[in-house]
C-alpha atoms as a PDB file:
ATOM      1  CA  MET A   1      83.794  80.751  97.165  1.00  0.00           C
ATOM      2  CA  LYS A   2      81.304  79.945  99.908  1.00  0.00           C
ATOM      3  CA  GLU A   3      83.931  80.615 102.581  1.00  0.00           C
ATOM      4  CA  LYS A   4      85.050  83.893 101.011  1.00  0.00           C
ATOM      5  CA  LEU A   5      81.466  85.125 100.611  1.00  0.00           C
ATOM      6  CA  ALA A   6      80.919  84.448 104.318  1.00  0.00           C
ATOM      7  CA  THR A   7      84.201  85.768 105.724  1.00  0.00           C
ATOM      8  CA  ILE A   8      84.813  88.764 103.444  1.00  0.00           C
ATOM      9  CA  HIS A   9      81.296  89.891 102.555  1.00  0.00           C
ATOM     10  CA  GLY A  10      79.193  88.452 105.387  1.00  0.00           C
ATOM     11  CA  LEU A  11      76.965  86.552 102.951  1.00  0.00           C
ATOM     12  CA  GLU A  12      75.544  83.157 103.817  1.00  0.00           C
ATOM     13  CA  VAL A  13      75.050  80.575 101.113  1.00  0.00           C
ATOM     14  CA  VAL A  14      71.617  78.973 101.457  1.00  0.00           C
ATOM     15  CA  SER A  15      69.466  76.766  99.244  1.00  0.00           C
ATOM     16  CA  GLU A  16      66.667  79.378  98.811  1.00  0.00           C
ATOM     17  CA  ALA A  17      67.740  82.974  98.068  1.00  0.00           C
ATOM     18  CA  PRO A  18      66.670  85.912  95.893  1.00  0.00           C
ATOM     19  CA  VAL A  19      69.906  85.522  93.883  1.00  0.00           C
ATOM     20  CA  THR A  20      71.185  82.185  92.609  1.00  0.00           C
ATOM     21  CA  VAL A  21      74.814  81.558  91.659  1.00  0.00           C
ATOM     22  CA  HIS A  22      75.070  78.752  89.129  1.00  0.00           C
ATOM     23  CA  LEU A  23      78.452  77.154  88.315  1.00  0.00           C
ATOM     24  CA  ASP A  24      78.501  74.959  85.231  1.00  0.00           C
ATOM     25  CA  TYR A  25      80.650  73.600  82.447  1.00  0.00           C
ATOM     26  CA  LEU A  26      80.242  75.118  78.990  1.00  0.00           C
ATOM     27  CA  PRO A  27      77.941  73.032  76.809  1.00  0.00           C
ATOM     28  CA  GLU A  28      80.010  73.901  73.745  1.00  0.00           C
ATOM     29  CA  ARG A  29      83.677  73.513  74.727  1.00  0.00           C
ATOM     30  CA  GLY A  30      84.801  74.740  71.318  1.00  0.00           C
ATOM     31  CA  THR A  31      84.036  78.353  72.290  1.00  0.00           C
ATOM     32  CA  ALA A  32      86.753  78.287  74.989  1.00  0.00           C
ATOM     33  CA  VAL A  33      89.917  80.020  73.817  1.00  0.00           C
ATOM     34  CA  ASN A  34      92.032  78.134  76.368  1.00  0.00           C
ATOM     35  CA  ASP A  35      91.622  76.069  79.559  1.00  0.00           C
ATOM     36  CA  GLU A  36      91.142  79.181  81.699  1.00  0.00           C
ATOM     37  CA  TYR A  37      88.398  80.772  79.603  1.00  0.00           C
ATOM     38  CA  TYR A  38      85.162  81.556  81.464  1.00  0.00           C
ATOM     39  CA  ARG A  39      82.023  83.564  81.049  1.00  0.00           C
ATOM     40  CA  ILE A  40      79.757  85.288  83.534  1.00  0.00           C
ATOM     41  CA  ASP A  41      76.182  86.348  82.808  1.00  0.00           C
ATOM     42  CA  THR A  42      74.054  88.130  85.399  1.00  0.00           C
ATOM     43  CA  GLY A  43      70.453  89.293  85.439  1.00  0.00           C
ATOM     44  CA  ASN A  44      66.991  88.414  86.758  1.00  0.00           C
ATOM     45  CA  GLY A  45      68.310  87.067  90.067  1.00  0.00           C
ATOM     46  CA  LEU A  46      70.784  84.686  88.412  1.00  0.00           C
ATOM     47  CA  ILE A  47      74.579  84.759  88.287  1.00  0.00           C
ATOM     48  CA  ASN A  48      75.815  82.120  85.852  1.00  0.00           C
ATOM     49  CA  ILE A  49      79.526  81.248  85.726  1.00  0.00           C
ATOM     50  CA  SER A  50      80.503  78.715  83.087  1.00  0.00           C
ATOM     51  CA  ALA A  51      83.779  77.416  81.708  1.00  0.00           C
ATOM     52  CA  SER A  52      85.197  74.361  79.987  1.00  0.00           C
ATOM     53  CA  THR A  53      87.420  73.436  82.974  1.00  0.00           C
ATOM     54  CA  SER A  54      87.372  73.757  86.761  1.00  0.00           C
ATOM     55  CA  HIS A  55      90.269  76.211  86.406  1.00  0.00           C
ATOM     56  CA  GLY A  56      88.071  78.475  84.290  1.00  0.00           C
ATOM     57  CA  ILE A  57      85.222  78.220  86.809  1.00  0.00           C
ATOM     58  CA  PHE A  58      87.672  79.136  89.569  1.00  0.00           C
ATOM     59  CA  ASN A  59      88.755  82.229  87.593  1.00  0.00           C
ATOM     60  CA  GLY A  60      85.106  83.189  87.103  1.00  0.00           C
ATOM     61  CA  THR A  61      84.401  82.963  90.844  1.00  0.00           C
ATOM     62  CA  GLN A  62      87.410  85.187  91.521  1.00  0.00           C
ATOM     63  CA  THR A  63      85.999  87.768  89.103  1.00  0.00           C
ATOM     64  CA  LEU A  64      82.620  87.610  90.852  1.00  0.00           C
ATOM     65  CA  LEU A  65      84.282  88.171  94.228  1.00  0.00           C
ATOM     66  CA  SER A  66      86.206  91.134  92.812  1.00  0.00           C
ATOM     67  CA  LEU A  67      82.945  92.674  91.533  1.00  0.00           C
ATOM     68  CA  LEU A  68      81.619  92.602  95.111  1.00  0.00           C
ATOM     69  CA  LYS A  69      84.777  94.169  96.560  1.00  0.00           C
ATOM     70  CA  GLY A  70      84.249  97.601  98.061  1.00  0.00           C
ATOM     71  CA  GLN A  71      80.462  97.265  98.168  1.00  0.00           C
ATOM     72  CA  GLU A  72      78.323  97.227 101.275  1.00  0.00           C
ATOM     73  CA  LYS A  73      75.045  95.400 101.855  1.00  0.00           C
ATOM     74  CA  PRO A  74      72.777  95.271  99.996  1.00  0.00           C
ATOM     75  CA  PHE A  75      75.109  94.217  97.180  1.00  0.00           C
ATOM     76  CA  ARG A  76      74.219  95.223  93.617  1.00  0.00           C
ATOM     77  CA  LEU A  77      75.362  93.715  90.388  1.00  0.00           C
ATOM     78  CA  GLU A  78      74.058  95.235  87.196  1.00  0.00           C
ATOM     79  CA  ALA A  79      73.138  92.914  84.355  1.00  0.00           C
ATOM     80  CA  LEU A  80      76.426  92.103  82.687  1.00  0.00           C
ATOM     81  CA  SER A  81      78.104  89.642  80.405  1.00  0.00           C
ATOM     82  CA  ILE A  82      81.833  88.866  80.717  1.00  0.00           C
ATOM     83  CA  ARG A  83      83.922  86.657  78.430  1.00  0.00           C
ATOM     84  CA  ASP A  84      87.470  86.447  79.735  1.00  0.00           C
ATOM     85  CA  TYR A  85      90.667  84.408  79.686  1.00  0.00           C
ATOM     86  CA  PRO A  86      94.335  85.105  80.429  1.00  0.00           C
ATOM     87  CA  ASP A  87      96.665  85.703  77.498  1.00  0.00           C
ATOM     88  CA  LEU A  88      99.711  84.410  79.367  1.00  0.00           C
ATOM     89  CA  PRO A  89      99.828  80.768  80.474  1.00  0.00           C
ATOM     90  CA  TYR A  90     102.388  81.463  83.258  1.00  0.00           C
ATOM     91  CA  ARG A  91     101.379  84.099  85.789  1.00  0.00           C
ATOM     92  CA  GLY A  92     103.286  83.681  89.008  1.00  0.00           C
ATOM     93  CA  GLN A  93     104.614  84.979  92.267  1.00  0.00           C
ATOM     94  CA  MET A  94     108.030  84.090  93.649  1.00  0.00           C
ATOM     95  CA  LEU A  95     108.404  83.667  97.383  1.00  0.00           C
ATOM     96  CA  ASP A  96     111.999  83.439  98.639  1.00  0.00           C
ATOM     97  CA  ILE A  97     111.770  82.103 102.184  1.00  0.00           C
ATOM     98  CA  ALA A  98     115.393  80.918 102.136  1.00  0.00           C
ATOM     99  CA  ARG A  99     116.443  84.539 102.652  1.00  0.00           C
ATOM    100  CA  ASN A 100     113.198  86.073 103.953  1.00  0.00           C
ATOM    101  CA  PHE A 101     111.397  83.641 106.225  1.00  0.00           C
ATOM    102  CA  THR A 102     107.731  84.379 106.885  1.00  0.00           C
ATOM    103  CA  THR A 103     105.052  82.823 109.073  1.00  0.00           C
ATOM    104  CA  VAL A 104     102.496  80.286 107.880  1.00  0.00           C
ATOM    105  CA  GLU A 105      99.758  82.903 108.505  1.00  0.00           C
ATOM    106  CA  HIS A 106     101.492  85.293 106.088  1.00  0.00           C
ATOM    107  CA  LEU A 107     101.838  82.480 103.557  1.00  0.00           C
ATOM    108  CA  LYS A 108      98.088  81.862 103.751  1.00  0.00           C
ATOM    109  CA  LYS A 109      97.374  85.562 103.165  1.00  0.00           C
ATOM    110  CA  LEU A 110      99.735  85.579 100.184  1.00  0.00           C
ATOM    111  CA  VAL A 111      97.993  82.551  98.681  1.00  0.00           C
ATOM    112  CA  ASP A 112      94.612  84.305  99.063  1.00  0.00           C
ATOM    113  CA  VAL A 113      95.959  87.399  97.312  1.00  0.00           C
ATOM    114  CA  ILE A 114      97.596  85.552  94.408  1.00  0.00           C
ATOM    115  CA  SER A 115      94.462  83.488  93.846  1.00  0.00           C
ATOM    116  CA  SER A 116      92.308  86.635  93.795  1.00  0.00           C
ATOM    117  CA  TYR A 117      94.539  87.983  91.023  1.00  0.00           C
ATOM    118  CA  LYS A 118      94.231  84.634  89.188  1.00  0.00           C
ATOM    119  CA  LEU A 119      97.958  83.925  89.303  1.00  0.00           C
ATOM    120  CA  ASN A 120      98.566  80.262  88.626  1.00  0.00           C
ATOM    121  CA  VAL A 121     102.119  79.551  89.856  1.00  0.00           C
ATOM    122  CA  LEU A 122     103.672  79.929  93.301  1.00  0.00           C
ATOM    123  CA  HIS A 123     107.441  79.821  92.774  1.00  0.00           C
ATOM    124  CA  PHE A 124     108.463  78.620  96.233  1.00  0.00           C
ATOM    125  CA  HIS A 125     112.185  79.186  96.883  1.00  0.00           C
ATOM    126  CA  PHE A 126     112.763  77.339 100.154  1.00  0.00           C
ATOM    127  CA  SER A 127     116.491  76.645 100.074  1.00  0.00           C
ATOM    128  CA  ASP A 128     119.685  78.420  99.165  1.00  0.00           C
ATOM    129  CA  ASP A 129     123.075  78.978 100.711  1.00  0.00           C
ATOM    130  CA  GLU A 130     121.382  81.216 103.309  1.00  0.00           C
ATOM    131  CA  GLY A 131     119.430  78.300 104.694  1.00  0.00           C
ATOM    132  CA  TRP A 132     117.206  75.273 104.295  1.00  0.00           C
ATOM    133  CA  ARG A 133     113.654  76.022 105.461  1.00  0.00           C
ATOM    134  CA  LEU A 134     111.688  72.775 105.101  1.00  0.00           C
ATOM    135  CA  GLU A 135     111.933  69.767 107.396  1.00  0.00           C
ATOM    136  CA  ILE A 136     112.782  66.546 105.503  1.00  0.00           C
ATOM    137  CA  PRO A 137     112.391  63.232 107.362  1.00  0.00           C
ATOM    138  CA  GLY A 138     115.655  61.317 107.431  1.00  0.00           C
ATOM    139  CA  LEU A 139     117.718  64.425 106.631  1.00  0.00           C
ATOM    140  CA  GLU A 140     117.403  66.317 109.906  1.00  0.00           C
ATOM    141  CA  GLU A 141     120.823  67.911 109.342  1.00  0.00           C
ATOM    142  CA  LEU A 142     119.335  70.047 106.580  1.00  0.00           C
ATOM    143  CA  THR A 143     117.359  72.034 109.149  1.00  0.00           C
ATOM    144  CA  SER A 144     119.493  71.553 112.267  1.00  0.00           C
ATOM    145  CA  VAL A 145     122.733  72.564 110.511  1.00  0.00           C
ATOM    146  CA  GLY A 146     121.841  73.693 106.990  1.00  0.00           C
ATOM    147  CA  ALA A 147     119.287  76.285 108.120  1.00  0.00           C
ATOM    148  CA  ARG A 148     121.920  78.341 109.940  1.00  0.00           C
ATOM    149  CA  ARG A 149     124.723  80.604 108.768  1.00  0.00           C
ATOM    150  CA  ASP A 150     126.928  83.179 110.417  1.00  0.00           C
ATOM    151  CA  ILE A 151     124.811  86.099 109.230  1.00  0.00           C
ATOM    152  CA  PRO A 152     123.741  88.565 111.923  1.00  0.00           C
ATOM    153  CA  ARG A 153     120.025  89.340 112.327  1.00  0.00           C
ATOM    154  CA  MET A 154     118.994  86.426 110.084  1.00  0.00           C
ATOM    155  CA  ASN A 155     115.873  84.450 110.980  1.00  0.00           C
ATOM    156  CA  TRP A 156     116.700  80.734 111.275  1.00  0.00           C
ATOM    157  CA  ASN A 157     113.174  79.329 111.466  1.00  0.00           C
ATOM    158  CA  VAL A 158     112.041  76.297 109.481  1.00  0.00           C
ATOM    159  CA  TYR A 159     108.670  74.957 108.355  1.00  0.00           C
ATOM    160  CA  ILE A 160     107.484  71.674 109.781  1.00  0.00           C
ATOM    161  CA  ARG A 161     106.587  69.250 106.998  1.00  0.00           C
ATOM    162  CA  ALA A 162     103.062  68.476 108.256  1.00  0.00           C
ATOM    163  CA  THR A 163     102.211  72.187 108.549  1.00  0.00           C
ATOM    164  CA  MET A 164     103.333  72.885 104.986  1.00  0.00           C
ATOM    165  CA  ALA A 165     101.494  69.841 103.616  1.00  0.00           C
ATOM    166  CA  THR A 166      98.267  70.960 105.302  1.00  0.00           C
ATOM    167  CA  MET A 167      98.650  74.522 104.038  1.00  0.00           C
ATOM    168  CA  ILE A 168      99.274  73.360 100.481  1.00  0.00           C
ATOM    169  CA  ARG A 169      96.373  70.892 100.531  1.00  0.00           C
ATOM    170  CA  LEU A 170      93.800  73.190 102.149  1.00  0.00           C
ATOM    171  CA  GLN A 171      94.867  76.694 101.155  1.00  0.00           C
ATOM    172  CA  LEU A 172      96.118  76.572  97.594  1.00  0.00           C
ATOM    173  CA  PRO A 173      93.430  76.686  94.935  1.00  0.00           C
ATOM    174  CA  PRO A 174      93.466  73.692  92.610  1.00  0.00           C
ATOM    175  CA  ALA A 175      94.396  75.989  89.739  1.00  0.00           C
ATOM    176  CA  THR A 176      97.750  76.914  91.332  1.00  0.00           C
ATOM    177  CA  ASP A 177     100.960  75.035  90.587  1.00  0.00           C
ATOM    178  CA  ILE A 178     103.768  75.049  93.127  1.00  0.00           C
ATOM    179  CA  THR A 179     107.290  75.237  91.762  1.00  0.00           C
ATOM    180  CA  PRO A 180     109.613  74.270  94.615  1.00  0.00           C
ATOM    181  CA  VAL A 181     113.152  75.542  94.206  1.00  0.00           C
ATOM    182  CA  LYS A 182     115.773  73.630  96.103  1.00  0.00           C
ATOM    183  CA  ASN A 183     118.978  74.659  94.370  1.00  0.00           C
ATOM    184  CA  LEU A 184     121.463  73.371  96.867  1.00  0.00           C
ATOM    185  CA  SER A 185     119.809  70.260  98.304  1.00  0.00           C
ATOM    186  CA  ILE A 186     122.341  67.774  96.899  1.00  0.00           C
ATOM    187  CA  TYR A 187     125.215  70.115  97.706  1.00  0.00           C
ATOM    188  CA  CYS A 188     123.962  70.550 101.297  1.00  0.00           C
ATOM    189  CA  VAL A 189     123.597  66.797 101.838  1.00  0.00           C
ATOM    190  CA  MET A 190     127.084  66.122 100.499  1.00  0.00           C
ATOM    191  CA  GLN A 191     128.605  68.865 102.671  1.00  0.00           C
ATOM    192  CA  LEU A 192     126.780  67.584 105.771  1.00  0.00           C
ATOM    193  CA  LYS A 193     127.768  63.988 105.080  1.00  0.00           C
ATOM    194  CA  GLY A 194     131.388  65.144 104.626  1.00  0.00           C
ATOM    195  CA  MET A 195     131.366  66.730 108.084  1.00  0.00           C
ATOM    196  CA  TYR A 196     130.859  63.319 109.690  1.00  0.00           C
ATOM    197  CA  VAL A 197     133.549  61.392 107.733  1.00  0.00           C
END
């Protein structure tokens, strides 16, 4: 949240300020409807976000950031009280890079957008018969051979393992699950191995 307040809204987080944002766990966990429940209370120079889990606190911070969207300095938040939680446990976005490769910068932007909408699953489709897009140590043929087909105007790029690991570790919010889809990995390996027999 600190980074987004600085980069998007130009606000600096300091120890002494006229408005204090307080993140805390709910004292009475029984009031939480589910693990993503949170509440926000504002007024008298205090913004209090509380939840029973870190996932709920994350959702509350995303709501706070959305309340600031479209405003210019000085920011104003009326006194308000929000009690919120998602009804659906699976809220996701599918990204099919096997057919539609995109840059790491675009992936980072997508992750920012899905987290702002409180989606909790990134369905990451990185292989199919159109190509294998993730470098796997020891199986270099997957990207050197398996990432290419005889399809005109197709992008044959691949992601380097270290780059993807860093993006996942640093960019994805802890509340987001990644569902990797690798439908043809075994099939690809067997086909590649068969080429060398």
